Amino acid sequence: MAKPDLKHIIEAALLAAGGPLSLDHMQTLFGRDEEPDKAALRASLAELEQDYAGRGVELREVASGFRIQVRPELAPWVSRLWEEKPQRYSRALLETLAIIAYRQPVTRGEIEEVRGVSVNTNIMRTLQERGWIRTVGHKDVPGRPGMYGTTRQFLDYFNLSSLNELPTLLELRDMDDIHPELDLKFPEEADAGAPEHPTASEQEPGRE
């Protein structure tokens, strides 16, 4: 049996992976004597990108690698495959995420200073559970509060390959302009309760 075309092998792997694949990961699909170099992989990916032009799916490079995904403009129809209503995130959560994305590394106290209100613990917990933020260090001040930054998973979810692709603050006139692929909605998080403040004992998930 003839060996399949490299482009078809990569296409099948991307469809089966269920998430982005890096070039290094793609190379592990092959034996040492047949491992393609990265230039060959990129050439095959470029062919795939052309093949999908004008179709319902596209090849997209994000922070973790390459993936095949539904074109965003088709989201209103594709989203109806799921009967469960999409959750919604509050504006407070999105504002907190935006501050972290644009000002990282940033402490919780600094987030509160920018927003002018305290940040509810549930918001920070939700962002961590989603894998969108992580602790990148501790500020050298009394109490050594944690400093937050975004993760690769955050970039993947919002269809970005790097932080350089974030819209400028002038372009980002409204937090509602931020949409992930498939135009998923955001779960409503109550920003109520007693004011919360960062403590030195707060624990965050590590970098993925």
N, C-alpha and C. Protein backbone atom coordinates (compact mmCIF):
# COMPACT_ATOMS: atom_id res chain seq x y z
N MET A 1 0.84 -1.19 0.00
CA MET A 1 0.00 0.00 0.00
C MET A 1 0.88 1.25 0.00
N ALA A 2 0.57 2.16 -0.90
CA ALA A 2 1.36 3.37 -1.02
C ALA A 2 1.18 4.26 0.21
N LYS A 3 2.24 4.96 0.57
CA LYS A 3 2.16 5.86 1.72
C LYS A 3 1.27 7.05 1.38
N PRO A 4 0.34 7.41 2.25
CA PRO A 4 -0.54 8.55 1.99
C PRO A 4 0.25 9.85 1.85
N ASP A 5 -0.35 10.79 1.18
CA ASP A 5 0.26 12.11 1.03
C ASP A 5 0.40 12.76 2.41
N LEU A 6 1.52 13.48 2.61
CA LEU A 6 1.77 14.13 3.89
C LEU A 6 0.63 15.05 4.29
N LYS A 7 0.09 15.77 3.34
CA LYS A 7 -1.01 16.69 3.63
C LYS A 7 -2.21 15.95 4.20
N HIS A 8 -2.50 14.78 3.67
CA HIS A 8 -3.65 14.01 4.15
C HIS A 8 -3.40 13.45 5.55
N ILE A 9 -2.16 13.06 5.83
CA ILE A 9 -1.83 12.57 7.17
C ILE A 9 -2.03 13.68 8.19
N ILE A 10 -1.53 14.86 7.86
CA ILE A 10 -1.65 15.99 8.78
C ILE A 10 -3.12 16.38 8.95
N GLU A 11 -3.87 16.38 7.87
CA GLU A 11 -5.29 16.71 7.95
C GLU A 11 -6.03 15.75 8.87
N ALA A 12 -5.76 14.44 8.69
CA ALA A 12 -6.42 13.44 9.52
C ALA A 12 -6.04 13.61 11.00
N ALA A 13 -4.78 13.91 11.25
CA ALA A 13 -4.32 14.10 12.63
C ALA A 13 -4.99 15.31 13.27
N LEU A 14 -5.10 16.39 12.52
CA LEU A 14 -5.73 17.59 13.05
C LEU A 14 -7.21 17.35 13.35
N LEU A 15 -7.88 16.60 12.51
CA LEU A 15 -9.30 16.31 12.73
C LEU A 15 -9.50 15.39 13.93
N ALA A 16 -8.55 14.47 14.14
CA ALA A 16 -8.70 13.50 15.23
C ALA A 16 -8.20 14.03 16.56
N ALA A 17 -7.36 15.04 16.54
CA ALA A 17 -6.68 15.49 17.76
C ALA A 17 -7.63 16.09 18.79
N GLY A 18 -8.65 16.80 18.33
CA GLY A 18 -9.55 17.45 19.27
C GLY A 18 -8.97 18.70 19.89
N GLY A 19 -7.87 19.18 19.35
CA GLY A 19 -7.23 20.40 19.84
C GLY A 19 -6.06 20.73 18.95
N PRO A 20 -5.38 21.84 19.18
CA PRO A 20 -4.26 22.25 18.33
C PRO A 20 -3.09 21.27 18.40
N LEU A 21 -2.38 21.15 17.31
CA LEU A 21 -1.16 20.35 17.25
C LEU A 21 0.00 21.24 16.86
N SER A 22 1.09 21.17 17.59
CA SER A 22 2.29 21.92 17.23
C SER A 22 3.06 21.16 16.16
N LEU A 23 4.00 21.84 15.52
CA LEU A 23 4.83 21.17 14.52
C LEU A 23 5.63 20.04 15.16
N ASP A 24 6.13 20.26 16.37
CA ASP A 24 6.89 19.22 17.07
C ASP A 24 6.01 17.99 17.30
N HIS A 25 4.76 18.23 17.69
CA HIS A 25 3.84 17.11 17.94
C HIS A 25 3.55 16.37 16.63
N MET A 26 3.38 17.11 15.55
CA MET A 26 3.14 16.46 14.26
C MET A 26 4.30 15.55 13.87
N GLN A 27 5.50 15.97 14.17
CA GLN A 27 6.66 15.16 13.79
C GLN A 27 6.69 13.83 14.52
N THR A 28 6.09 13.78 15.73
CA THR A 28 6.09 12.53 16.49
C THR A 28 5.16 11.48 15.87
N LEU A 29 4.35 11.88 14.90
CA LEU A 29 3.46 10.92 14.24
C LEU A 29 4.23 9.99 13.31
N PHE A 30 5.46 10.32 13.03
CA PHE A 30 6.24 9.58 12.04
C PHE A 30 7.43 8.88 12.69
N GLY A 31 7.87 7.81 12.04
CA GLY A 31 9.08 7.13 12.48
C GLY A 31 10.30 7.99 12.16
N ARG A 32 11.41 7.65 12.79
CA ARG A 32 12.61 8.47 12.60
C ARG A 32 13.07 8.52 11.15
N ASP A 33 12.88 7.43 10.44
CA ASP A 33 13.35 7.37 9.05
C ASP A 33 12.41 8.08 8.08
N GLU A 34 11.23 8.50 8.55
CA GLU A 34 10.27 9.16 7.66
C GLU A 34 9.79 10.50 8.20
N GLU A 35 10.40 10.96 9.27
CA GLU A 35 9.96 12.19 9.91
C GLU A 35 10.17 13.39 8.98
N PRO A 36 9.11 14.12 8.64
CA PRO A 36 9.27 15.30 7.78
C PRO A 36 9.86 16.46 8.56
N ASP A 37 10.58 17.32 7.86
CA ASP A 37 11.09 18.51 8.55
C ASP A 37 9.95 19.53 8.66
N LYS A 38 10.20 20.58 9.43
CA LYS A 38 9.15 21.55 9.69
C LYS A 38 8.77 22.35 8.45
N ALA A 39 9.72 22.51 7.54
CA ALA A 39 9.42 23.22 6.30
C ALA A 39 8.40 22.43 5.49
N ALA A 40 8.56 21.09 5.46
CA ALA A 40 7.61 20.25 4.73
C ALA A 40 6.24 20.28 5.39
N LEU A 41 6.22 20.29 6.71
CA LEU A 41 4.95 20.36 7.43
C LEU A 41 4.24 21.68 7.14
N ARG A 42 4.99 22.77 7.16
CA ARG A 42 4.38 24.07 6.89
C ARG A 42 3.88 24.15 5.46
N ALA A 43 4.57 23.52 4.53
CA ALA A 43 4.12 23.51 3.13
C ALA A 43 2.79 22.76 3.02
N SER A 44 2.68 21.63 3.73
CA SER A 44 1.43 20.87 3.70
C SER A 44 0.30 21.64 4.37
N LEU A 45 0.61 22.34 5.45
CA LEU A 45 -0.40 23.15 6.13
C LEU A 45 -0.87 24.29 5.23
N ALA A 46 0.06 24.86 4.48
CA ALA A 46 -0.32 25.94 3.55
C ALA A 46 -1.24 25.41 2.47
N GLU A 47 -0.99 24.19 2.00
CA GLU A 47 -1.88 23.57 1.00
C GLU A 47 -3.26 23.34 1.59
N LEU A 48 -3.30 22.85 2.83
CA LEU A 48 -4.59 22.63 3.49
C LEU A 48 -5.36 23.94 3.62
N GLU A 49 -4.66 24.98 3.98
CA GLU A 49 -5.30 26.28 4.13
C GLU A 49 -5.94 26.72 2.82
N GLN A 50 -5.25 26.47 1.72
CA GLN A 50 -5.81 26.81 0.41
C GLN A 50 -6.99 25.91 0.06
N ASP A 51 -6.89 24.63 0.42
CA ASP A 51 -7.99 23.69 0.15
C ASP A 51 -9.28 24.13 0.84
N TYR A 52 -9.14 24.71 2.04
CA TYR A 52 -10.32 25.10 2.82
C TYR A 52 -10.85 26.48 2.45
N ALA A 53 -10.20 27.18 1.56
CA ALA A 53 -10.65 28.52 1.17
C ALA A 53 -12.07 28.43 0.61
N GLY A 54 -12.96 29.26 1.14
CA GLY A 54 -14.34 29.28 0.66
C GLY A 54 -15.21 28.16 1.19
N ARG A 55 -14.69 27.37 2.15
CA ARG A 55 -15.47 26.27 2.71
C ARG A 55 -15.92 26.60 4.12
N GLY A 56 -16.62 25.67 4.74
CA GLY A 56 -17.19 25.93 6.06
C GLY A 56 -16.21 25.80 7.21
N VAL A 57 -15.04 25.25 6.93
CA VAL A 57 -14.01 25.13 7.97
C VAL A 57 -12.75 25.83 7.49
N GLU A 58 -11.86 26.10 8.44
CA GLU A 58 -10.62 26.78 8.11
C GLU A 58 -9.48 26.19 8.93
N LEU A 59 -8.26 26.35 8.44
CA LEU A 59 -7.08 25.99 9.20
C LEU A 59 -6.61 27.25 9.91
N ARG A 60 -6.42 27.14 11.23
CA ARG A 60 -6.06 28.32 12.02
C ARG A 60 -4.86 28.01 12.89
N GLU A 61 -3.88 28.92 12.93
CA GLU A 61 -2.76 28.79 13.85
C GLU A 61 -3.07 29.58 15.11
N VAL A 62 -2.99 28.90 16.25
CA VAL A 62 -3.18 29.54 17.55
C VAL A 62 -1.93 29.30 18.38
N ALA A 63 -1.97 29.70 19.64
CA ALA A 63 -0.75 29.65 20.46
C ALA A 63 -0.19 28.24 20.60
N SER A 64 -1.06 27.23 20.70
CA SER A 64 -0.61 25.86 20.92
C SER A 64 -0.28 25.11 19.64
N GLY A 65 -0.54 25.71 18.50
CA GLY A 65 -0.25 25.04 17.24
C GLY A 65 -1.31 25.33 16.19
N PHE A 66 -1.63 24.32 15.41
CA PHE A 66 -2.60 24.46 14.32
C PHE A 66 -3.83 23.61 14.62
N ARG A 67 -4.99 24.08 14.14
CA ARG A 67 -6.21 23.31 14.30
C ARG A 67 -7.15 23.61 13.14
N ILE A 68 -8.06 22.68 12.90
CA ILE A 68 -9.12 22.86 11.92
C ILE A 68 -10.37 23.22 12.70
N GLN A 69 -11.03 24.31 12.32
CA GLN A 69 -12.17 24.79 13.08
C GLN A 69 -13.25 25.34 12.15
N VAL A 70 -14.44 25.46 12.70
CA VAL A 70 -15.56 26.05 11.98
C VAL A 70 -15.30 27.54 11.79
N ARG A 71 -15.64 28.06 10.63
CA ARG A 71 -15.47 29.50 10.40
C ARG A 71 -16.40 30.28 11.33
N PRO A 72 -15.89 31.35 11.96
CA PRO A 72 -16.69 32.10 12.93
C PRO A 72 -18.02 32.60 12.38
N GLU A 73 -18.07 32.96 11.10
CA GLU A 73 -19.31 33.50 10.56
C GLU A 73 -20.44 32.47 10.47
N LEU A 74 -20.08 31.19 10.66
CA LEU A 74 -21.10 30.13 10.63
C LEU A 74 -21.59 29.77 12.03
N ALA A 75 -21.09 30.47 13.04
CA ALA A 75 -21.44 30.17 14.42
C ALA A 75 -22.93 30.15 14.71
N PRO A 76 -23.74 31.11 14.17
CA PRO A 76 -25.17 31.10 14.51
C PRO A 76 -25.86 29.79 14.17
N TRP A 77 -25.39 29.09 13.17
CA TRP A 77 -26.02 27.82 12.78
C TRP A 77 -25.38 26.64 13.52
N VAL A 78 -24.07 26.62 13.60
CA VAL A 78 -23.39 25.50 14.24
C VAL A 78 -23.71 25.43 15.73
N SER A 79 -23.87 26.58 16.37
CA SER A 79 -24.14 26.60 17.80
C SER A 79 -25.46 25.92 18.15
N ARG A 80 -26.35 25.79 17.18
CA ARG A 80 -27.65 25.15 17.45
C ARG A 80 -27.54 23.63 17.56
N LEU A 81 -26.35 23.10 17.35
CA LEU A 81 -26.14 21.66 17.55
C LEU A 81 -26.26 21.30 19.03
N TRP A 82 -26.01 22.29 19.90
CA TRP A 82 -26.06 22.06 21.33
C TRP A 82 -27.35 22.62 21.89
N GLU A 83 -28.17 21.75 22.47
CA GLU A 83 -29.46 22.17 22.98
C GLU A 83 -29.32 23.05 24.23
N GLU A 84 -28.31 22.75 25.04
CA GLU A 84 -28.13 23.51 26.28
C GLU A 84 -27.79 24.96 25.95
N LYS A 85 -28.47 25.88 26.62
CA LYS A 85 -28.21 27.28 26.38
C LYS A 85 -26.81 27.65 26.85
N PRO A 86 -26.10 28.42 26.07
CA PRO A 86 -24.75 28.81 26.48
C PRO A 86 -24.79 29.66 27.74
N GLN A 87 -23.79 29.46 28.59
CA GLN A 87 -23.70 30.25 29.80
C GLN A 87 -23.25 31.67 29.45
N ARG A 88 -23.39 32.54 30.44
CA ARG A 88 -22.98 33.92 30.20
C ARG A 88 -22.04 34.39 31.30
N TYR A 89 -21.01 35.12 30.89
CA TYR A 89 -20.09 35.73 31.85
C TYR A 89 -20.46 37.19 32.03
N SER A 90 -20.24 37.68 33.21
CA SER A 90 -20.57 39.07 33.50
C SER A 90 -19.54 40.01 32.89
N ARG A 91 -19.95 41.24 32.76
CA ARG A 91 -19.04 42.28 32.28
C ARG A 91 -17.87 42.44 33.25
N ALA A 92 -18.14 42.26 34.55
CA ALA A 92 -17.07 42.38 35.55
C ALA A 92 -15.98 41.34 35.30
N LEU A 93 -16.38 40.12 34.96
CA LEU A 93 -15.39 39.08 34.69
C LEU A 93 -14.59 39.42 33.44
N LEU A 94 -15.27 39.88 32.39
CA LEU A 94 -14.57 40.22 31.15
C LEU A 94 -13.64 41.41 31.34
N GLU A 95 -14.06 42.38 32.14
CA GLU A 95 -13.19 43.52 32.42
C GLU A 95 -11.94 43.06 33.17
N THR A 96 -12.14 42.16 34.13
CA THR A 96 -10.99 41.64 34.89
C THR A 96 -10.03 40.90 33.97
N LEU A 97 -10.58 40.08 33.09
CA LEU A 97 -9.74 39.33 32.15
C LEU A 97 -8.99 40.27 31.23
N ALA A 98 -9.65 41.32 30.76
CA ALA A 98 -9.01 42.28 29.86
C ALA A 98 -7.86 43.00 30.55
N ILE A 99 -8.06 43.38 31.80
CA ILE A 99 -7.00 44.07 32.54
C ILE A 99 -5.78 43.16 32.68
N ILE A 100 -6.02 41.89 32.99
CA ILE A 100 -4.91 40.94 33.10
C ILE A 100 -4.21 40.78 31.76
N ALA A 101 -4.99 40.66 30.69
CA ALA A 101 -4.41 40.45 29.37
C ALA A 101 -3.54 41.62 28.93
N TYR A 102 -4.01 42.84 29.19
CA TYR A 102 -3.31 44.03 28.69
C TYR A 102 -2.23 44.55 29.64
N ARG A 103 -2.35 44.24 30.94
CA ARG A 103 -1.41 44.81 31.90
C ARG A 103 -0.53 43.78 32.57
N GLN A 104 -0.60 42.53 32.16
CA GLN A 104 0.15 41.47 32.83
C GLN A 104 1.67 41.73 32.80
N PRO A 105 2.35 41.29 33.88
CA PRO A 105 1.80 40.69 35.10
C PRO A 105 1.19 41.74 36.01
N VAL A 106 0.08 41.38 36.64
CA VAL A 106 -0.66 42.34 37.44
C VAL A 106 -1.20 41.65 38.69
N THR A 107 -1.19 42.35 39.81
CA THR A 107 -1.71 41.77 41.04
C THR A 107 -3.21 42.03 41.14
N ARG A 108 -3.84 41.31 42.03
CA ARG A 108 -5.27 41.50 42.22
C ARG A 108 -5.56 42.91 42.72
N GLY A 109 -4.69 43.43 43.59
CA GLY A 109 -4.88 44.79 44.07
C GLY A 109 -4.80 45.80 42.94
N GLU A 110 -3.90 45.58 41.99
CA GLU A 110 -3.78 46.48 40.85
C GLU A 110 -5.00 46.40 39.94
N ILE A 111 -5.57 45.20 39.82
CA ILE A 111 -6.81 45.03 39.04
C ILE A 111 -7.92 45.85 39.69
N GLU A 112 -8.01 45.76 41.00
CA GLU A 112 -9.04 46.50 41.73
C GLU A 112 -8.83 48.01 41.60
N GLU A 113 -7.58 48.43 41.56
CA GLU A 113 -7.29 49.85 41.41
C GLU A 113 -7.76 50.36 40.05
N VAL A 114 -7.55 49.57 39.01
CA VAL A 114 -7.96 49.97 37.66
C VAL A 114 -9.48 49.99 37.56
N ARG A 115 -10.13 48.95 38.08
CA ARG A 115 -11.58 48.84 37.97
C ARG A 115 -12.31 49.78 38.92
N GLY A 116 -11.66 50.13 40.03
CA GLY A 116 -12.29 51.01 41.00
C GLY A 116 -13.21 50.30 41.96
N VAL A 117 -13.26 48.97 41.88
CA VAL A 117 -14.07 48.16 42.79
C VAL A 117 -13.28 46.90 43.12
N SER A 118 -13.69 46.23 44.20
CA SER A 118 -13.02 44.99 44.58
C SER A 118 -13.36 43.88 43.58
N VAL A 119 -12.47 42.92 43.45
CA VAL A 119 -12.67 41.79 42.55
C VAL A 119 -13.17 40.61 43.37
N ASN A 120 -14.35 40.14 43.04
CA ASN A 120 -14.93 39.02 43.76
C ASN A 120 -14.10 37.76 43.55
N THR A 121 -13.94 36.97 44.61
CA THR A 121 -13.16 35.74 44.54
C THR A 121 -13.68 34.81 43.46
N ASN A 122 -15.00 34.77 43.26
CA ASN A 122 -15.58 33.87 42.26
C ASN A 122 -15.08 34.18 40.85
N ILE A 123 -14.83 35.46 40.58
CA ILE A 123 -14.34 35.84 39.26
C ILE A 123 -12.95 35.27 39.03
N MET A 124 -12.07 35.46 40.00
CA MET A 124 -10.71 34.94 39.86
C MET A 124 -10.71 33.42 39.78
N ARG A 125 -11.57 32.78 40.58
CA ARG A 125 -11.65 31.33 40.55
C ARG A 125 -12.13 30.83 39.18
N THR A 126 -13.14 31.51 38.63
CA THR A 126 -13.66 31.11 37.34
C THR A 126 -12.60 31.21 36.26
N LEU A 127 -11.85 32.31 36.26
CA LEU A 127 -10.80 32.50 35.25
C LEU A 127 -9.72 31.44 35.38
N GLN A 128 -9.41 31.05 36.61
CA GLN A 128 -8.41 30.00 36.81
C GLN A 128 -8.95 28.64 36.39
N GLU A 129 -10.20 28.37 36.74
CA GLU A 129 -10.79 27.07 36.37
C GLU A 129 -10.91 26.92 34.87
N ARG A 130 -11.15 28.03 34.17
CA ARG A 130 -11.18 28.00 32.71
C ARG A 130 -9.78 27.81 32.12
N GLY A 131 -8.77 28.01 32.95
CA GLY A 131 -7.41 27.88 32.47
C GLY A 131 -6.94 29.10 31.70
N TRP A 132 -7.61 30.24 31.91
CA TRP A 132 -7.28 31.45 31.16
C TRP A 132 -6.23 32.30 31.84
N ILE A 133 -6.09 32.18 33.17
CA ILE A 133 -5.07 32.96 33.88
C ILE A 133 -4.29 32.03 34.80
N ARG A 134 -3.10 32.49 35.20
CA ARG A 134 -2.26 31.74 36.12
C ARG A 134 -1.39 32.73 36.90
N THR A 135 -0.80 32.26 37.98
CA THR A 135 0.15 33.07 38.72
C THR A 135 1.50 32.98 38.04
N VAL A 136 2.08 34.13 37.70
CA VAL A 136 3.36 34.14 37.01
C VAL A 136 4.51 34.54 37.94
N GLY A 137 4.18 34.84 39.19
CA GLY A 137 5.20 35.23 40.16
C GLY A 137 4.55 35.94 41.32
N HIS A 138 5.37 36.53 42.17
CA HIS A 138 4.87 37.27 43.32
C HIS A 138 5.59 38.61 43.39
N LYS A 139 4.84 39.66 43.63
CA LYS A 139 5.41 41.00 43.67
C LYS A 139 6.24 41.19 44.94
N ASP A 140 7.39 41.82 44.80
CA ASP A 140 8.31 42.00 45.93
C ASP A 140 7.88 43.18 46.79
N VAL A 141 6.72 43.02 47.42
CA VAL A 141 6.19 44.01 48.36
C VAL A 141 5.68 43.22 49.57
N PRO A 142 5.40 43.90 50.69
CA PRO A 142 4.87 43.18 51.85
C PRO A 142 3.66 42.32 51.49
N GLY A 143 3.67 41.08 51.95
CA GLY A 143 2.60 40.14 51.64
C GLY A 143 2.85 39.35 50.37
N ARG A 144 3.77 39.82 49.52
CA ARG A 144 4.12 39.14 48.26
C ARG A 144 2.89 38.64 47.51
N PRO A 145 2.00 39.56 47.11
CA PRO A 145 0.79 39.13 46.39
C PRO A 145 1.14 38.49 45.05
N GLY A 146 0.30 37.57 44.63
CA GLY A 146 0.51 36.91 43.36
C GLY A 146 0.31 37.86 42.19
N MET A 147 1.09 37.67 41.15
CA MET A 147 0.94 38.43 39.91
C MET A 147 0.35 37.50 38.85
N TYR A 148 -0.68 37.99 38.18
CA TYR A 148 -1.41 37.16 37.23
C TYR A 148 -1.04 37.47 35.78
N GLY A 149 -1.10 36.44 34.98
CA GLY A 149 -0.91 36.57 33.54
C GLY A 149 -1.83 35.60 32.83
N THR A 150 -1.99 35.78 31.54
CA THR A 150 -2.84 34.87 30.77
C THR A 150 -2.05 33.63 30.36
N THR A 151 -2.76 32.62 29.91
CA THR A 151 -2.16 31.34 29.54
C THR A 151 -2.27 31.10 28.03
N ARG A 152 -1.60 30.07 27.61
CA ARG A 152 -1.71 29.65 26.20
C ARG A 152 -3.14 29.22 25.90
N GLN A 153 -3.80 28.62 26.89
CA GLN A 153 -5.20 28.21 26.70
C GLN A 153 -6.10 29.41 26.44
N PHE A 154 -5.81 30.53 27.10
CA PHE A 154 -6.55 31.77 26.85
C PHE A 154 -6.40 32.17 25.38
N LEU A 155 -5.17 32.14 24.87
CA LEU A 155 -4.93 32.52 23.47
C LEU A 155 -5.66 31.57 22.53
N ASP A 156 -5.57 30.26 22.82
CA ASP A 156 -6.25 29.28 21.97
C ASP A 156 -7.74 29.54 21.91
N TYR A 157 -8.34 29.78 23.08
CA TYR A 157 -9.80 29.94 23.15
C TYR A 157 -10.26 31.16 22.37
N PHE A 158 -9.48 32.23 22.44
CA PHE A 158 -9.87 33.46 21.75
C PHE A 158 -9.24 33.58 20.36
N ASN A 159 -8.77 32.43 19.85
CA ASN A 159 -8.34 32.37 18.46
C ASN A 159 -7.11 33.25 18.17
N LEU A 160 -6.19 33.31 19.12
CA LEU A 160 -5.00 34.13 18.98
C LEU A 160 -3.75 33.25 19.00
N SER A 161 -2.76 33.63 18.22
CA SER A 161 -1.50 32.90 18.25
C SER A 161 -0.51 33.53 19.23
N SER A 162 -0.70 34.81 19.56
CA SER A 162 0.15 35.48 20.54
C SER A 162 -0.57 36.71 21.07
N LEU A 163 -0.06 37.28 22.14
CA LEU A 163 -0.65 38.49 22.72
C LEU A 163 -0.56 39.67 21.77
N ASN A 164 0.36 39.60 20.82
CA ASN A 164 0.48 40.68 19.84
C ASN A 164 -0.76 40.82 18.97
N GLU A 165 -1.60 39.78 18.93
CA GLU A 165 -2.81 39.81 18.11
C GLU A 165 -4.00 40.40 18.86
N LEU A 166 -3.82 40.72 20.14
CA LEU A 166 -4.92 41.38 20.86
C LEU A 166 -5.24 42.71 20.17
N PRO A 167 -6.50 43.07 20.09
CA PRO A 167 -6.83 44.38 19.51
C PRO A 167 -6.27 45.49 20.38
N THR A 168 -5.97 46.62 19.77
CA THR A 168 -5.50 47.75 20.56
C THR A 168 -6.64 48.26 21.43
N LEU A 169 -6.30 49.02 22.45
CA LEU A 169 -7.34 49.55 23.33
C LEU A 169 -8.29 50.48 22.60
N LEU A 170 -7.79 51.14 21.54
CA LEU A 170 -8.67 51.99 20.75
C LEU A 170 -9.66 51.15 19.95
N GLU A 171 -9.19 50.00 19.46
CA GLU A 171 -10.08 49.12 18.70
C GLU A 171 -11.08 48.43 19.62
N LEU A 172 -10.66 48.17 20.84
CA LEU A 172 -11.51 47.46 21.80
C LEU A 172 -12.42 48.45 22.51
N ARG A 173 -13.40 48.95 21.81
CA ARG A 173 -14.28 49.98 22.37
C ARG A 173 -15.26 49.41 23.38
N ASP A 174 -15.51 48.11 23.30
CA ASP A 174 -16.47 47.50 24.21
C ASP A 174 -16.05 46.08 24.46
N MET A 175 -16.16 45.62 25.71
CA MET A 175 -15.78 44.26 26.05
C MET A 175 -16.57 43.24 25.26
N ASP A 176 -17.77 43.59 24.81
CA ASP A 176 -18.59 42.66 24.06
C ASP A 176 -17.99 42.37 22.69
N ASP A 177 -16.96 43.14 22.28
CA ASP A 177 -16.32 42.87 21.01
C ASP A 177 -15.47 41.61 21.05
N ILE A 178 -15.16 41.13 22.26
CA ILE A 178 -14.33 39.94 22.38
C ILE A 178 -15.21 38.70 22.22
N HIS A 179 -14.89 37.87 21.22
CA HIS A 179 -15.64 36.63 21.02
C HIS A 179 -14.66 35.52 20.69
N PRO A 180 -14.85 34.34 21.29
CA PRO A 180 -14.04 33.20 20.91
C PRO A 180 -14.54 32.63 19.60
N GLU A 181 -13.83 31.64 19.06
CA GLU A 181 -14.33 30.97 17.87
C GLU A 181 -15.69 30.37 18.17
N LEU A 182 -16.54 30.28 17.18
CA LEU A 182 -17.93 29.81 17.29
C LEU A 182 -18.81 30.78 18.06
N ASP A 183 -18.29 31.97 18.39
CA ASP A 183 -19.10 33.00 19.04
C ASP A 183 -19.81 32.48 20.28
N LEU A 184 -19.07 31.72 21.11
CA LEU A 184 -19.66 31.18 22.33
C LEU A 184 -20.04 32.33 23.26
N LYS A 185 -21.12 32.16 24.01
CA LYS A 185 -21.55 33.18 24.96
C LYS A 185 -20.80 32.97 26.28
N PHE A 186 -21.03 33.88 27.21
CA PHE A 186 -20.25 33.87 28.44
C PHE A 186 -21.10 33.73 29.69
N PRO A 187 -20.68 32.75 30.72
CA PRO A 187 -21.52 32.49 31.87
C PRO A 187 -21.58 33.65 32.83
N GLU A 188 -22.77 33.94 33.31
CA GLU A 188 -22.98 35.06 34.23
C GLU A 188 -22.37 34.72 35.58
N GLU A 189 -21.47 35.56 36.04
CA GLU A 189 -20.84 35.37 37.34
C GLU A 189 -21.27 36.51 38.25
N ALA A 190 -21.85 36.19 39.39
CA ALA A 190 -22.27 37.24 40.32
C ALA A 190 -21.05 37.94 40.87
N ASP A 191 -21.06 39.26 40.75
CA ASP A 191 -19.96 40.05 41.31
C ASP A 191 -20.46 40.73 42.57
N ALA A 192 -21.03 39.92 43.46
CA ALA A 192 -21.64 40.46 44.67
C ALA A 192 -20.95 39.88 45.88
N GLY A 193 -21.38 40.34 47.03
CA GLY A 193 -20.82 39.84 48.27
C GLY A 193 -19.85 40.83 48.87
N ALA A 194 -19.25 40.43 49.97
CA ALA A 194 -18.31 41.30 50.68
C ALA A 194 -17.07 41.52 49.83
N PRO A 195 -16.45 42.70 49.90
CA PRO A 195 -15.24 42.96 49.14
C PRO A 195 -14.17 41.95 49.47
N GLU A 196 -13.46 41.51 48.43
CA GLU A 196 -12.40 40.53 48.61
C GLU A 196 -11.08 41.19 48.30
N HIS A 197 -10.03 40.76 49.01
CA HIS A 197 -8.72 41.34 48.79
C HIS A 197 -7.70 40.22 48.69
N PRO A 198 -6.61 40.43 47.94
CA PRO A 198 -5.62 39.38 47.77
C PRO A 198 -4.89 39.09 49.06
N THR A 199 -4.52 37.84 49.23
CA THR A 199 -3.72 37.46 50.38
C THR A 199 -2.50 36.71 49.91
N ALA A 200 -1.49 36.67 50.73
CA ALA A 200 -0.25 36.01 50.35
C ALA A 200 -0.43 34.51 50.25
N SER A 201 -1.51 33.97 50.85
CA SER A 201 -1.69 32.53 50.87
C SER A 201 -2.49 32.01 49.70
N GLU A 202 -2.96 32.89 48.81
CA GLU A 202 -3.76 32.43 47.67
C GLU A 202 -2.93 31.50 46.80
N GLN A 203 -3.54 30.40 46.41
CA GLN A 203 -2.84 29.43 45.57
C GLN A 203 -3.47 29.43 44.19
N GLU A 204 -2.66 29.36 43.16
CA GLU A 204 -3.14 29.38 41.78
C GLU A 204 -2.64 28.13 41.06
N PRO A 205 -3.33 27.72 40.02
CA PRO A 205 -2.83 26.59 39.24
C PRO A 205 -1.55 26.98 38.53
N GLY A 206 -0.68 26.03 38.33
CA GLY A 206 0.58 26.32 37.65
C GLY A 206 0.41 26.45 36.16
N ARG A 207 1.47 26.79 35.50
CA ARG A 207 1.43 26.98 34.06
C ARG A 207 1.20 25.65 33.40
N GLU A 208 0.33 25.63 32.41
CA GLU A 208 0.06 24.37 31.74
C GLU A 208 1.21 24.00 30.87
